[in-house]
């Protein structure tokens, strides 16, 4: 039963974590994931300055919503899970993140 709760919590929390990650605080950082995405979209869609500005605003709004949802989900999880379960879930998320980072580094080498 506890394993099911933890897995459900992970299934709900991880996508929100991932969605919230690409921050728009790096809008002008051309080396960032966000900067690369906007640069690529600008070129491929031939966006004008007005469209680019509106898209930046939209993505910033979206990021804030995801961040709020993530925080609310985490607070609710703390109400459901014991402190020990929350620690285990945090460890699971950390391992998952490390595995993703490792996979990305391997893909970059190829």
Protein backbone atom coordinates (compact mmCIF):
# COMPACT_ATOMS: atom_id res chain seq x y z
CA UNK A 1 0.00 0.00 0.00
CA UNK A 2 2.73 2.48 0.98
CA UNK A 3 4.67 1.62 -2.16
CA UNK A 4 1.59 2.40 -4.25
CA UNK A 5 1.17 5.78 -2.54
CA UNK A 6 4.82 6.63 -3.09
CA UNK A 7 4.67 5.59 -6.74
CA UNK A 8 1.51 7.63 -7.30
CA UNK A 9 3.12 10.61 -5.59
CA UNK A 10 6.22 10.23 -7.77
CA UNK A 11 4.10 9.93 -10.89
CA UNK A 12 2.39 13.19 -9.97
CA UNK A 13 5.41 15.09 -8.70
CA UNK A 14 8.08 14.22 -11.27
CA UNK A 15 6.35 15.60 -14.35
CA UNK A 16 5.67 18.82 -12.49
CA UNK A 17 9.28 19.02 -11.41
CA UNK A 18 10.49 18.51 -14.93
CA UNK A 19 8.00 20.97 -16.37
CA UNK A 20 8.99 23.62 -13.88
CA UNK A 21 12.68 23.23 -14.54
CA UNK A 22 13.15 25.22 -17.76
CA UNK A 23 13.11 28.61 -16.09
CA UNK A 24 12.53 31.82 -17.93
CA UNK A 25 14.92 33.64 -15.64
CA UNK A 26 17.55 32.88 -18.28
CA UNK A 27 15.75 34.53 -21.17
CA UNK A 28 18.83 36.35 -22.39
CA UNK A 29 21.31 33.56 -21.63
CA UNK A 30 21.99 32.17 -25.08
CA UNK A 31 23.82 29.17 -23.60
CA UNK A 32 20.85 28.03 -21.56
CA UNK A 33 18.27 25.49 -22.62
CA UNK A 34 15.64 28.24 -22.68
CA UNK A 35 17.81 30.56 -24.75
CA UNK A 36 18.53 27.82 -27.27
CA UNK A 37 14.85 26.93 -27.51
CA UNK A 38 13.78 30.51 -28.12
CA UNK A 39 16.55 31.07 -30.64
CA UNK A 40 15.57 27.91 -32.53
CA UNK A 41 11.86 28.79 -32.48
CA UNK A 42 12.60 32.35 -33.59
CA UNK A 43 14.54 31.09 -36.60
CA UNK A 44 12.31 28.15 -37.54
CA UNK A 45 9.04 30.04 -37.13
CA UNK A 46 10.47 33.33 -38.42
CA UNK A 47 9.09 35.19 -35.40
CA UNK A 48 9.01 38.96 -35.41
CA UNK A 49 9.95 40.95 -32.28
CA UNK A 50 6.34 41.35 -31.14
CA UNK A 51 5.72 37.60 -31.40
CA UNK A 52 8.97 36.83 -29.62
CA UNK A 53 8.04 39.21 -26.77
CA UNK A 54 4.57 37.68 -26.46
CA UNK A 55 5.97 34.16 -26.46
CA UNK A 56 8.50 35.08 -23.77
CA UNK A 57 5.67 36.47 -21.64
CA UNK A 58 3.57 33.36 -22.23
CA UNK A 59 6.42 31.02 -21.29
CA UNK A 60 7.19 33.05 -18.18
CA UNK A 61 3.52 32.87 -17.13
CA UNK A 62 3.48 29.13 -17.82
CA UNK A 63 6.64 28.65 -15.75
CA UNK A 64 5.11 30.50 -12.80
CA UNK A 65 1.96 28.35 -12.97
CA UNK A 66 3.99 25.14 -13.04
CA UNK A 67 6.09 26.40 -10.13
CA UNK A 68 2.93 27.11 -8.11
CA UNK A 69 1.46 23.70 -8.94
CA UNK A 70 4.73 22.04 -7.96
CA UNK A 71 4.79 23.84 -4.61
CA UNK A 72 1.14 22.99 -3.91
CA UNK A 73 1.72 19.35 -4.81
CA UNK A 74 4.73 19.15 -2.53
CA UNK A 75 2.77 20.67 0.35
CA UNK A 76 -0.06 18.18 -0.15
CA UNK A 77 2.40 15.30 -0.33
CA UNK A 78 3.81 16.39 3.03
CA UNK A 79 0.28 16.07 4.43
CA UNK A 80 -0.09 12.55 3.02
CA UNK A 81 3.34 11.02 3.53
CA UNK A 82 5.27 10.53 6.75
CA UNK A 83 8.57 12.43 7.12
CA UNK A 84 10.42 9.17 6.45
CA UNK A 85 8.42 8.61 3.25
CA UNK A 86 9.08 12.19 2.12
CA UNK A 87 12.81 11.66 2.66
CA UNK A 88 12.67 8.44 0.63
CA UNK A 89 10.72 10.19 -2.12
CA UNK A 90 13.26 13.02 -2.21
CA UNK A 91 16.04 10.44 -2.49
CA UNK A 92 14.18 8.73 -5.34
CA UNK A 93 13.81 12.06 -7.15
CA UNK A 94 17.49 12.82 -6.63
CA UNK A 95 18.52 9.42 -8.05
CA UNK A 96 16.17 9.90 -11.00
CA UNK A 97 17.66 13.33 -11.67
CA UNK A 98 21.21 11.96 -11.46
CA UNK A 99 20.34 9.15 -13.87
CA UNK A 100 18.88 11.69 -16.32
CA UNK A 101 21.99 13.85 -16.05
CA UNK A 102 24.23 10.82 -16.58
CA UNK A 103 22.20 9.78 -19.62
CA UNK A 104 22.45 13.32 -21.06
CA UNK A 105 26.22 13.38 -20.59
CA UNK A 106 26.54 10.03 -22.38
CA UNK A 107 24.35 11.28 -25.24
CA UNK A 108 26.50 14.41 -25.59
CA UNK A 109 29.63 12.28 -25.88
CA UNK A 110 28.19 10.31 -28.81
